[in-house]
């Protein structure tokens, strides 16, 4: 029988909470990236990441391995469980953001892109515009499509893992990703067309 790839780390953390640090180090960048793309705010993403891991540590005694290793022998039930927690924390943060003013997407984008070293203002402007268009297109997607796309291409999860995080079938996840990519491509095509017409 194939075991969950994180079983050893989970068991160690259950016996000694200090050992949870190994799971934290393994997944913190992935959870943070997911939160940042979902929330488009560095500070909110940091807070959501911290809350995710605190909740996971508190709930670790109740965690149960449920991976279908026949479908994906490299699957980590812990990773899926952790991202479900992150999804819930992020949903709470998004609800909170709606109740208070937030920084604009352009400000969040400007903080993440620093191309000043290139010295080529035209290239920098074009790159920023393309990145802004892509991020806006992804952010405009319906929640499930956006999450499926981010989990697949940012966090590099398998279809089986994404299905576990979103609580959907693998077929449904494939459809979400396909439709999300189509929507983003269409939106980017429209943006290029508008930009070309404006010249």
N, C-alpha and C. Protein backbone atom coordinates (compact mmCIF):
# COMPACT_ATOMS: atom_id res chain seq x y z
N UNK A 1 0.85 -1.21 0.00
CA UNK A 1 0.00 0.00 0.00
C UNK A 1 0.88 1.25 0.00
N UNK A 2 0.57 2.21 -0.85
CA UNK A 2 1.30 3.47 -0.92
C UNK A 2 0.76 4.40 0.17
N UNK A 3 1.68 5.04 0.88
CA UNK A 3 1.27 5.93 1.97
C UNK A 3 1.26 7.38 1.50
N UNK A 4 0.47 8.19 2.18
CA UNK A 4 0.46 9.62 1.93
C UNK A 4 1.89 10.13 2.07
N UNK A 5 2.35 10.93 1.12
CA UNK A 5 3.75 11.37 1.13
C UNK A 5 4.10 12.23 2.34
N UNK A 6 3.11 12.79 3.02
CA UNK A 6 3.37 13.62 4.20
C UNK A 6 3.08 12.89 5.51
N UNK A 7 2.80 11.60 5.45
CA UNK A 7 2.40 10.88 6.66
C UNK A 7 3.45 10.99 7.77
N UNK A 8 4.72 10.79 7.43
CA UNK A 8 5.79 10.82 8.44
C UNK A 8 5.85 12.19 9.13
N UNK A 9 5.74 13.25 8.35
CA UNK A 9 5.79 14.61 8.92
C UNK A 9 4.56 14.89 9.78
N UNK A 10 3.40 14.42 9.33
CA UNK A 10 2.16 14.63 10.09
C UNK A 10 2.24 13.90 11.43
N UNK A 11 2.68 12.65 11.40
CA UNK A 11 2.78 11.87 12.64
C UNK A 11 3.77 12.52 13.62
N UNK A 12 4.90 12.99 13.10
CA UNK A 12 5.88 13.66 13.96
C UNK A 12 5.28 14.90 14.61
N UNK A 13 4.52 15.68 13.83
CA UNK A 13 3.90 16.90 14.34
C UNK A 13 2.81 16.60 15.35
N UNK A 14 2.12 15.47 15.19
CA UNK A 14 1.09 15.09 16.16
C UNK A 14 1.72 14.77 17.52
N UNK A 15 2.88 14.15 17.48
CA UNK A 15 3.56 13.78 18.74
C UNK A 15 4.30 14.96 19.36
N UNK A 16 4.75 15.88 18.54
CA UNK A 16 5.49 17.05 19.03
C UNK A 16 5.16 18.23 18.13
N UNK A 17 4.33 19.17 18.61
CA UNK A 17 3.91 20.30 17.77
C UNK A 17 5.07 21.10 17.19
N UNK A 18 6.23 21.08 17.82
CA UNK A 18 7.39 21.78 17.28
C UNK A 18 7.76 21.21 15.91
N UNK A 19 7.48 19.94 15.68
CA UNK A 19 7.80 19.28 14.41
C UNK A 19 6.89 19.75 13.27
N UNK A 20 5.83 20.48 13.60
CA UNK A 20 4.94 21.03 12.56
C UNK A 20 5.71 21.98 11.65
N UNK A 21 6.83 22.50 12.14
CA UNK A 21 7.64 23.42 11.37
C UNK A 21 8.05 22.82 10.01
N UNK A 22 8.28 21.52 9.95
CA UNK A 22 8.67 20.89 8.68
C UNK A 22 7.53 20.99 7.67
N UNK A 23 6.30 20.79 8.10
CA UNK A 23 5.14 20.93 7.21
C UNK A 23 4.96 22.40 6.81
N UNK A 24 5.17 23.28 7.78
CA UNK A 24 5.07 24.72 7.50
C UNK A 24 6.07 25.11 6.42
N UNK A 25 7.33 24.74 6.59
CA UNK A 25 8.36 25.11 5.62
C UNK A 25 8.07 24.50 4.24
N UNK A 26 7.52 23.32 4.22
CA UNK A 26 7.24 22.64 2.96
C UNK A 26 6.14 23.34 2.15
N UNK A 27 5.14 23.88 2.85
CA UNK A 27 3.95 24.40 2.15
C UNK A 27 3.70 25.90 2.28
N UNK A 28 4.50 26.62 3.06
CA UNK A 28 4.20 28.04 3.29
C UNK A 28 4.23 28.86 2.00
N UNK A 29 5.18 28.62 1.12
CA UNK A 29 5.25 29.41 -0.11
C UNK A 29 4.04 29.14 -1.00
N UNK A 30 3.59 27.90 -1.05
CA UNK A 30 2.44 27.56 -1.88
C UNK A 30 1.16 28.19 -1.35
N UNK A 31 0.97 28.12 -0.03
CA UNK A 31 -0.23 28.71 0.57
C UNK A 31 -0.21 30.22 0.40
N UNK A 32 0.96 30.83 0.61
CA UNK A 32 1.08 32.28 0.46
C UNK A 32 0.77 32.69 -0.99
N UNK A 33 1.31 31.97 -1.97
CA UNK A 33 1.06 32.31 -3.38
C UNK A 33 -0.43 32.21 -3.70
N UNK A 34 -1.07 31.16 -3.20
CA UNK A 34 -2.51 30.99 -3.40
C UNK A 34 -3.27 32.18 -2.80
N UNK A 35 -2.91 32.54 -1.57
CA UNK A 35 -3.58 33.65 -0.89
C UNK A 35 -3.33 34.98 -1.61
N UNK A 36 -2.11 35.19 -2.08
CA UNK A 36 -1.78 36.44 -2.76
C UNK A 36 -2.57 36.59 -4.06
N UNK A 37 -2.65 35.53 -4.84
CA UNK A 37 -3.42 35.60 -6.07
C UNK A 37 -4.91 35.79 -5.79
N UNK A 38 -5.39 35.18 -4.74
CA UNK A 38 -6.82 35.30 -4.40
C UNK A 38 -7.15 36.69 -3.85
N UNK A 39 -6.26 37.24 -3.03
CA UNK A 39 -6.56 38.48 -2.31
C UNK A 39 -5.93 39.72 -2.94
N UNK A 40 -4.90 39.54 -3.79
CA UNK A 40 -4.22 40.65 -4.46
C UNK A 40 -3.71 41.70 -3.48
N UNK A 41 -3.31 41.26 -2.30
CA UNK A 41 -2.78 42.17 -1.30
C UNK A 41 -1.76 41.41 -0.46
N UNK A 42 -0.53 41.92 -0.44
CA UNK A 42 0.58 41.26 0.24
C UNK A 42 0.28 41.04 1.73
N UNK A 43 -0.18 42.08 2.41
CA UNK A 43 -0.42 41.97 3.85
C UNK A 43 -1.58 41.02 4.17
N UNK A 44 -2.64 41.11 3.39
CA UNK A 44 -3.79 40.21 3.60
C UNK A 44 -3.37 38.76 3.34
N UNK A 45 -2.52 38.55 2.33
CA UNK A 45 -2.04 37.20 2.02
C UNK A 45 -1.18 36.65 3.15
N UNK A 46 -0.33 37.50 3.72
CA UNK A 46 0.49 37.07 4.86
C UNK A 46 -0.40 36.68 6.04
N UNK A 47 -1.38 37.51 6.33
CA UNK A 47 -2.30 37.22 7.44
C UNK A 47 -3.06 35.92 7.19
N UNK A 48 -3.55 35.75 5.97
CA UNK A 48 -4.32 34.54 5.64
C UNK A 48 -3.43 33.30 5.75
N UNK A 49 -2.18 33.40 5.32
CA UNK A 49 -1.24 32.28 5.41
C UNK A 49 -1.00 31.93 6.88
N UNK A 50 -0.78 32.93 7.69
CA UNK A 50 -0.55 32.69 9.12
C UNK A 50 -1.77 32.02 9.76
N UNK A 51 -2.95 32.54 9.47
CA UNK A 51 -4.17 31.95 10.05
C UNK A 51 -4.38 30.52 9.57
N UNK A 52 -4.05 30.25 8.30
CA UNK A 52 -4.19 28.90 7.76
C UNK A 52 -3.35 27.91 8.56
N UNK A 53 -2.09 28.25 8.78
CA UNK A 53 -1.21 27.33 9.49
C UNK A 53 -1.56 27.21 10.97
N UNK A 54 -2.02 28.30 11.57
CA UNK A 54 -2.44 28.21 12.98
C UNK A 54 -3.66 27.29 13.11
N UNK A 55 -4.60 27.42 12.19
CA UNK A 55 -5.78 26.55 12.22
C UNK A 55 -5.41 25.10 11.94
N UNK A 56 -4.48 24.90 11.01
CA UNK A 56 -4.05 23.54 10.70
C UNK A 56 -3.37 22.89 11.90
N UNK A 57 -2.52 23.64 12.57
CA UNK A 57 -1.83 23.10 13.75
C UNK A 57 -2.85 22.75 14.83
N UNK A 58 -3.82 23.63 15.06
CA UNK A 58 -4.83 23.37 16.09
C UNK A 58 -5.70 22.16 15.74
N UNK A 59 -5.97 21.97 14.45
CA UNK A 59 -6.86 20.89 14.02
C UNK A 59 -6.13 19.60 13.68
N UNK A 60 -4.81 19.60 13.76
CA UNK A 60 -4.03 18.43 13.34
C UNK A 60 -4.46 17.12 14.01
N UNK A 61 -4.83 17.13 15.29
CA UNK A 61 -5.28 15.87 15.90
C UNK A 61 -6.52 15.27 15.21
N UNK A 62 -7.31 16.09 14.53
CA UNK A 62 -8.52 15.61 13.86
C UNK A 62 -8.29 15.27 12.39
N UNK A 63 -7.09 15.54 11.87
CA UNK A 63 -6.79 15.26 10.47
C UNK A 63 -6.81 13.76 10.21
N UNK A 64 -7.43 13.36 9.09
CA UNK A 64 -7.48 11.95 8.69
C UNK A 64 -7.00 11.82 7.25
N UNK A 65 -6.08 10.91 7.04
CA UNK A 65 -5.57 10.65 5.69
C UNK A 65 -6.66 9.95 4.88
N UNK A 66 -6.96 10.50 3.69
CA UNK A 66 -8.01 9.93 2.86
C UNK A 66 -7.63 9.94 1.39
N UNK A 67 -6.36 9.85 1.08
CA UNK A 67 -5.92 9.92 -0.32
C UNK A 67 -6.33 8.67 -1.08
N UNK A 68 -6.71 8.87 -2.33
CA UNK A 68 -6.97 7.77 -3.25
C UNK A 68 -5.68 7.56 -4.04
N UNK A 69 -4.82 6.70 -3.52
CA UNK A 69 -3.50 6.55 -4.13
C UNK A 69 -3.54 5.79 -5.44
N UNK A 70 -4.64 5.10 -5.72
CA UNK A 70 -4.76 4.46 -7.03
C UNK A 70 -4.88 5.53 -8.11
N UNK A 71 -5.57 6.63 -7.79
CA UNK A 71 -5.75 7.72 -8.75
C UNK A 71 -4.49 8.58 -8.85
N UNK A 72 -3.81 8.81 -7.73
CA UNK A 72 -2.64 9.68 -7.72
C UNK A 72 -1.68 9.23 -6.63
N UNK A 73 -0.71 8.37 -6.94
CA UNK A 73 0.19 7.85 -5.92
C UNK A 73 1.07 8.92 -5.27
N UNK A 74 1.18 10.09 -5.90
CA UNK A 74 1.98 11.17 -5.31
C UNK A 74 1.13 12.14 -4.47
N UNK A 75 -0.13 11.83 -4.30
CA UNK A 75 -1.04 12.74 -3.62
C UNK A 75 -0.68 12.90 -2.15
N UNK A 76 -1.00 14.05 -1.64
CA UNK A 76 -0.86 14.32 -0.22
C UNK A 76 -2.21 14.74 0.32
N UNK A 77 -2.79 13.89 1.13
CA UNK A 77 -4.06 14.27 1.75
C UNK A 77 -3.86 15.49 2.63
N UNK A 78 -2.71 15.58 3.30
CA UNK A 78 -2.44 16.73 4.16
C UNK A 78 -2.46 18.02 3.33
N UNK A 79 -1.81 18.00 2.18
CA UNK A 79 -1.77 19.19 1.32
C UNK A 79 -3.17 19.62 0.91
N UNK A 80 -4.01 18.67 0.52
CA UNK A 80 -5.39 18.97 0.14
C UNK A 80 -6.14 19.56 1.33
N UNK A 81 -5.98 18.93 2.49
CA UNK A 81 -6.64 19.40 3.72
C UNK A 81 -6.18 20.81 4.07
N UNK A 82 -4.88 21.08 3.95
CA UNK A 82 -4.33 22.40 4.25
C UNK A 82 -4.90 23.45 3.31
N UNK A 83 -5.02 23.13 2.03
CA UNK A 83 -5.56 24.09 1.08
C UNK A 83 -7.07 24.29 1.26
N UNK A 84 -7.76 23.30 1.78
CA UNK A 84 -9.18 23.53 2.13
C UNK A 84 -9.27 24.56 3.25
N UNK A 85 -8.39 24.43 4.23
CA UNK A 85 -8.36 25.42 5.32
C UNK A 85 -8.04 26.80 4.73
N UNK A 86 -7.03 26.86 3.85
CA UNK A 86 -6.65 28.14 3.23
C UNK A 86 -7.83 28.72 2.45
N UNK A 87 -8.54 27.88 1.71
CA UNK A 87 -9.69 28.36 0.94
C UNK A 87 -10.73 29.01 1.86
N UNK A 88 -10.98 28.39 3.01
CA UNK A 88 -11.95 28.95 3.96
C UNK A 88 -11.45 30.24 4.59
N UNK A 89 -10.18 30.29 4.94
CA UNK A 89 -9.59 31.51 5.52
C UNK A 89 -9.67 32.64 4.51
N UNK A 90 -9.34 32.35 3.25
CA UNK A 90 -9.36 33.36 2.19
C UNK A 90 -10.79 33.84 1.94
N UNK A 91 -11.75 32.93 1.97
CA UNK A 91 -13.16 33.33 1.79
C UNK A 91 -13.59 34.29 2.90
N UNK A 92 -13.16 34.02 4.12
CA UNK A 92 -13.47 34.92 5.23
C UNK A 92 -12.82 36.28 5.03
N UNK A 93 -11.58 36.28 4.55
CA UNK A 93 -10.86 37.54 4.30
C UNK A 93 -11.53 38.33 3.18
N UNK A 94 -11.98 37.64 2.15
CA UNK A 94 -12.65 38.34 1.05
C UNK A 94 -13.95 39.00 1.54
N UNK A 95 -14.67 38.29 2.39
CA UNK A 95 -15.89 38.88 2.96
C UNK A 95 -15.54 40.11 3.78
N UNK A 96 -14.46 40.03 4.52
CA UNK A 96 -14.01 41.15 5.33
C UNK A 96 -13.57 42.32 4.45
N UNK A 97 -12.90 42.04 3.34
CA UNK A 97 -12.46 43.09 2.41
C UNK A 97 -13.65 43.84 1.81
N UNK A 98 -14.73 43.14 1.57
CA UNK A 98 -15.92 43.79 0.99
C UNK A 98 -16.51 44.82 1.96
N UNK A 99 -16.26 44.61 3.24
CA UNK A 99 -16.83 45.52 4.24
C UNK A 99 -15.95 46.73 4.50
N UNK A 100 -14.72 46.73 3.97
CA UNK A 100 -13.83 47.87 4.17
C UNK A 100 -13.11 48.19 2.87
N UNK A 101 -12.70 49.46 2.69
CA UNK A 101 -11.98 49.82 1.46
C UNK A 101 -10.68 49.04 1.35
N UNK A 102 -10.30 48.72 0.12
CA UNK A 102 -9.06 47.97 -0.11
C UNK A 102 -8.18 48.71 -1.10
N UNK A 103 -6.90 48.39 -1.10
CA UNK A 103 -5.98 48.95 -2.08
C UNK A 103 -6.40 48.48 -3.46
N UNK A 104 -6.06 49.27 -4.45
CA UNK A 104 -6.42 48.90 -5.81
C UNK A 104 -5.53 47.78 -6.31
N UNK A 105 -6.01 47.09 -7.31
CA UNK A 105 -5.25 46.02 -7.93
C UNK A 105 -3.97 46.56 -8.55
N UNK A 106 -4.03 47.77 -9.09
CA UNK A 106 -2.84 48.38 -9.69
C UNK A 106 -1.75 48.59 -8.64
N UNK A 107 -2.12 48.99 -7.41
CA UNK A 107 -1.13 49.17 -6.36
C UNK A 107 -0.50 47.83 -5.99
N UNK A 108 -1.32 46.79 -5.88
CA UNK A 108 -0.79 45.46 -5.55
C UNK A 108 0.15 44.98 -6.65
N UNK A 109 -0.22 45.26 -7.89
CA UNK A 109 0.61 44.84 -9.01
C UNK A 109 1.92 45.61 -9.03
N UNK A 110 1.85 46.90 -8.77
CA UNK A 110 3.05 47.73 -8.78
C UNK A 110 4.07 47.29 -7.75
N UNK A 111 3.59 46.80 -6.60
CA UNK A 111 4.51 46.34 -5.56
C UNK A 111 5.20 45.05 -5.96
N UNK A 112 4.56 44.25 -6.80
CA UNK A 112 5.13 42.96 -7.15
C UNK A 112 6.02 42.97 -8.38
N UNK A 113 6.00 44.03 -9.16
CA UNK A 113 6.79 44.07 -10.39
C UNK A 113 7.82 45.18 -10.31
N UNK A 114 9.08 44.82 -10.29
CA UNK A 114 10.14 45.82 -10.26
C UNK A 114 11.10 45.55 -11.41
N UNK A 115 10.93 46.29 -12.47
CA UNK A 115 11.75 46.08 -13.66
C UNK A 115 12.66 47.28 -13.91
N UNK A 116 12.89 48.11 -12.89
CA UNK A 116 13.67 49.32 -13.05
C UNK A 116 15.09 49.03 -13.52
N UNK A 117 15.61 47.86 -13.20
CA UNK A 117 16.98 47.51 -13.59
C UNK A 117 17.12 47.43 -15.11
N UNK A 118 16.06 47.20 -15.81
CA UNK A 118 16.14 47.02 -17.26
C UNK A 118 16.44 48.32 -17.99
N UNK A 119 16.06 49.42 -17.38
CA UNK A 119 16.35 50.71 -17.98
C UNK A 119 15.57 51.01 -19.25
N UNK A 120 14.74 50.12 -19.68
CA UNK A 120 13.98 50.30 -20.90
C UNK A 120 12.54 50.61 -20.52
N UNK A 121 12.21 51.87 -20.47
CA UNK A 121 10.89 52.30 -20.00
C UNK A 121 9.76 51.73 -20.85
N UNK A 122 9.95 51.65 -22.15
CA UNK A 122 8.89 51.13 -23.02
C UNK A 122 8.63 49.65 -22.74
N UNK A 123 9.70 48.87 -22.59
CA UNK A 123 9.54 47.45 -22.29
C UNK A 123 8.91 47.25 -20.92
N UNK A 124 9.33 48.08 -19.97
CA UNK A 124 8.77 48.00 -18.62
C UNK A 124 7.28 48.29 -18.64
N UNK A 125 6.90 49.31 -19.37
CA UNK A 125 5.48 49.69 -19.45
C UNK A 125 4.67 48.58 -20.11
N UNK A 126 5.19 48.01 -21.20
CA UNK A 126 4.48 46.93 -21.90
C UNK A 126 4.35 45.70 -21.01
N UNK A 127 5.41 45.36 -20.29
CA UNK A 127 5.38 44.20 -19.41
C UNK A 127 4.39 44.40 -18.28
N UNK A 128 4.40 45.58 -17.70
CA UNK A 128 3.44 45.88 -16.62
C UNK A 128 2.00 45.81 -17.13
N UNK A 129 1.78 46.35 -18.31
CA UNK A 129 0.43 46.34 -18.88
C UNK A 129 -0.04 44.91 -19.15
N UNK A 130 0.85 44.08 -19.69
CA UNK A 130 0.50 42.68 -19.96
C UNK A 130 0.23 41.93 -18.66
N UNK A 131 1.07 42.15 -17.64
CA UNK A 131 0.86 41.48 -16.35
C UNK A 131 -0.43 41.95 -15.70
N UNK A 132 -0.70 43.24 -15.80
CA UNK A 132 -1.94 43.78 -15.23
C UNK A 132 -3.15 43.19 -15.94
N UNK A 133 -3.09 43.11 -17.27
CA UNK A 133 -4.20 42.53 -18.03
C UNK A 133 -4.43 41.08 -17.64
N UNK A 134 -3.33 40.31 -17.53
CA UNK A 134 -3.47 38.89 -17.18
C UNK A 134 -4.05 38.73 -15.79
N UNK A 135 -3.54 39.50 -14.85
CA UNK A 135 -4.04 39.38 -13.48
C UNK A 135 -5.51 39.80 -13.39
N UNK A 136 -5.87 40.86 -14.08
CA UNK A 136 -7.27 41.30 -14.09
C UNK A 136 -8.18 40.23 -14.69
N UNK A 137 -7.70 39.61 -15.76
CA UNK A 137 -8.50 38.55 -16.40
C UNK A 137 -8.69 37.37 -15.47
N UNK A 138 -7.65 37.00 -14.74
CA UNK A 138 -7.75 35.88 -13.79
C UNK A 138 -8.66 36.28 -12.62
N UNK A 139 -8.48 37.50 -12.10
CA UNK A 139 -9.30 37.95 -10.97
C UNK A 139 -10.77 38.07 -11.34
N UNK A 140 -11.08 38.29 -12.61
CA UNK A 140 -12.47 38.45 -13.05
C UNK A 140 -13.19 37.11 -13.20
N UNK A 141 -12.44 36.02 -13.16
CA UNK A 141 -13.07 34.70 -13.32
C UNK A 141 -13.99 34.39 -12.14
N UNK A 142 -15.02 33.57 -12.35
CA UNK A 142 -15.82 33.09 -11.22
C UNK A 142 -14.90 32.35 -10.22
N UNK A 143 -15.27 32.37 -8.96
CA UNK A 143 -14.40 31.86 -7.88
C UNK A 143 -13.83 30.48 -8.15
N UNK A 144 -14.66 29.51 -8.50
CA UNK A 144 -14.17 28.14 -8.68
C UNK A 144 -13.19 28.05 -9.86
N UNK A 145 -13.46 28.76 -10.93
CA UNK A 145 -12.55 28.73 -12.08
C UNK A 145 -11.20 29.35 -11.71
N UNK A 146 -11.27 30.50 -11.02
CA UNK A 146 -10.04 31.18 -10.61
C UNK A 146 -9.21 30.29 -9.69
N UNK A 147 -9.87 29.70 -8.70
CA UNK A 147 -9.14 28.84 -7.75
C UNK A 147 -8.54 27.62 -8.45
N UNK A 148 -9.30 26.99 -9.34
CA UNK A 148 -8.79 25.82 -10.06
C UNK A 148 -7.56 26.19 -10.88
N UNK A 149 -7.61 27.33 -11.54
CA UNK A 149 -6.48 27.78 -12.35
C UNK A 149 -5.26 28.06 -11.49
N UNK A 150 -5.45 28.75 -10.39
CA UNK A 150 -4.33 29.08 -9.51
C UNK A 150 -3.72 27.83 -8.87
N UNK A 151 -4.58 26.93 -8.42
CA UNK A 151 -4.07 25.70 -7.81
C UNK A 151 -3.29 24.87 -8.82
N UNK A 152 -3.72 24.89 -10.08
CA UNK A 152 -3.05 24.09 -11.09
C UNK A 152 -1.73 24.71 -11.53
N UNK A 153 -1.73 26.02 -11.83
CA UNK A 153 -0.56 26.62 -12.46
C UNK A 153 0.33 27.40 -11.49
N UNK A 154 -0.18 27.82 -10.36
CA UNK A 154 0.67 28.49 -9.38
C UNK A 154 1.17 27.47 -8.35
N UNK A 155 0.26 26.68 -7.81
CA UNK A 155 0.64 25.70 -6.79
C UNK A 155 0.96 24.32 -7.37
N UNK A 156 0.79 24.17 -8.68
CA UNK A 156 1.16 22.95 -9.40
C UNK A 156 0.53 21.69 -8.79
N UNK A 157 -0.74 21.79 -8.44
CA UNK A 157 -1.46 20.65 -7.90
C UNK A 157 -1.98 19.77 -9.04
N UNK A 158 -2.13 18.49 -8.74
CA UNK A 158 -2.74 17.58 -9.70
C UNK A 158 -4.24 17.81 -9.74
N UNK A 159 -4.88 17.28 -10.76
CA UNK A 159 -6.34 17.39 -10.87
C UNK A 159 -7.01 16.75 -9.66
N UNK A 160 -6.47 15.61 -9.20
CA UNK A 160 -7.04 14.93 -8.04
C UNK A 160 -6.94 15.80 -6.79
N UNK A 161 -5.80 16.46 -6.60
CA UNK A 161 -5.64 17.32 -5.42
C UNK A 161 -6.58 18.52 -5.49
N UNK A 162 -6.69 19.13 -6.67
CA UNK A 162 -7.59 20.27 -6.82
C UNK A 162 -9.03 19.85 -6.54
N UNK A 163 -9.41 18.67 -7.03
CA UNK A 163 -10.75 18.14 -6.77
C UNK A 163 -10.99 18.03 -5.27
N UNK A 164 -9.98 17.57 -4.54
CA UNK A 164 -10.11 17.47 -3.08
C UNK A 164 -10.25 18.81 -2.41
N UNK A 165 -9.48 19.79 -2.86
CA UNK A 165 -9.54 21.13 -2.27
C UNK A 165 -10.90 21.77 -2.53
N UNK A 166 -11.37 21.66 -3.77
CA UNK A 166 -12.62 22.33 -4.15
C UNK A 166 -13.87 21.51 -3.86
N UNK A 167 -13.69 20.23 -3.50
CA UNK A 167 -14.84 19.39 -3.23
C UNK A 167 -15.63 19.06 -4.50
N UNK A 168 -14.91 18.85 -5.61
CA UNK A 168 -15.54 18.55 -6.90
C UNK A 168 -14.91 17.30 -7.49
N UNK A 169 -15.51 16.77 -8.53
CA UNK A 169 -14.93 15.61 -9.22
C UNK A 169 -13.76 16.08 -10.08
N UNK A 170 -12.90 15.13 -10.45
CA UNK A 170 -11.77 15.48 -11.32
C UNK A 170 -12.25 15.98 -12.67
N UNK A 171 -13.31 15.39 -13.19
CA UNK A 171 -13.87 15.85 -14.46
C UNK A 171 -14.34 17.29 -14.38
N UNK A 172 -14.99 17.63 -13.27
CA UNK A 172 -15.46 19.00 -13.08
C UNK A 172 -14.28 19.97 -13.01
N UNK A 173 -13.20 19.54 -12.37
CA UNK A 173 -12.00 20.38 -12.27
C UNK A 173 -11.40 20.61 -13.65
N UNK A 174 -11.31 19.57 -14.46
CA UNK A 174 -10.78 19.72 -15.81
C UNK A 174 -11.61 20.73 -16.61
N UNK A 175 -12.93 20.65 -16.47
CA UNK A 175 -13.82 21.59 -17.17
C UNK A 175 -13.58 23.01 -16.66
N UNK A 176 -13.45 23.18 -15.34
CA UNK A 176 -13.20 24.51 -14.76
C UNK A 176 -11.91 25.11 -15.33
N UNK A 177 -10.85 24.31 -15.37
CA UNK A 177 -9.56 24.80 -15.87
C UNK A 177 -9.66 25.15 -17.35
N UNK A 178 -10.29 24.29 -18.13
CA UNK A 178 -10.45 24.53 -19.56
C UNK A 178 -11.22 25.83 -19.80
N UNK A 179 -12.31 26.00 -19.11
CA UNK A 179 -13.13 27.21 -19.29
C UNK A 179 -12.39 28.46 -18.80
N UNK A 180 -11.66 28.31 -17.69
CA UNK A 180 -10.90 29.45 -17.16
C UNK A 180 -9.85 29.90 -18.17
N UNK A 181 -9.10 28.95 -18.73
CA UNK A 181 -8.08 29.30 -19.72
C UNK A 181 -8.70 29.97 -20.94
N UNK A 182 -9.85 29.45 -21.38
CA UNK A 182 -10.54 30.06 -22.51
C UNK A 182 -10.97 31.48 -22.22
N UNK A 183 -11.52 31.70 -21.04
CA UNK A 183 -11.98 33.05 -20.66
C UNK A 183 -10.81 34.02 -20.60
N UNK A 184 -9.70 33.60 -19.99
CA UNK A 184 -8.53 34.47 -19.87
C UNK A 184 -7.98 34.79 -21.27
N UNK A 185 -7.88 33.78 -22.12
CA UNK A 185 -7.37 34.00 -23.48
C UNK A 185 -8.25 34.99 -24.25
N UNK A 186 -9.56 34.82 -24.14
CA UNK A 186 -10.47 35.74 -24.83
C UNK A 186 -10.31 37.16 -24.31
N UNK A 187 -10.22 37.30 -22.99
CA UNK A 187 -10.09 38.63 -22.39
C UNK A 187 -8.77 39.29 -22.78
N UNK A 188 -7.69 38.52 -22.79
CA UNK A 188 -6.40 39.08 -23.20
C UNK A 188 -6.42 39.48 -24.67
N UNK A 189 -7.11 38.69 -25.51
CA UNK A 189 -7.26 39.05 -26.92
C UNK A 189 -8.02 40.36 -27.08
N UNK A 190 -9.07 40.55 -26.29
CA UNK A 190 -9.83 41.81 -26.34
C UNK A 190 -8.96 42.98 -25.89
N UNK A 191 -8.17 42.77 -24.82
CA UNK A 191 -7.30 43.85 -24.32
C UNK A 191 -6.27 44.26 -25.37
N UNK A 192 -5.68 43.27 -26.06
CA UNK A 192 -4.71 43.59 -27.11
C UNK A 192 -5.38 44.34 -28.25
N UNK A 193 -6.60 43.92 -28.58
CA UNK A 193 -7.34 44.60 -29.64
C UNK A 193 -7.64 46.04 -29.28
N UNK A 194 -8.05 46.28 -28.03
CA UNK A 194 -8.33 47.65 -27.58
C UNK A 194 -7.07 48.49 -27.59
N UNK A 195 -5.96 47.90 -27.15
CA UNK A 195 -4.70 48.62 -27.10
C UNK A 195 -4.23 48.96 -28.53
N UNK A 196 -4.39 47.98 -29.45
CA UNK A 196 -3.99 48.22 -30.85
C UNK A 196 -4.85 49.29 -31.51
N UNK A 197 -6.15 49.30 -31.18
CA UNK A 197 -7.06 50.30 -31.76
C UNK A 197 -6.77 51.69 -31.22
N UNK A 198 -6.20 51.74 -30.01
CA UNK A 198 -5.93 53.05 -29.39
C UNK A 198 -4.67 53.71 -29.92
N UNK A 199 -3.86 52.97 -30.69
CA UNK A 199 -2.60 53.55 -31.19
C UNK A 199 -2.83 54.42 -32.40
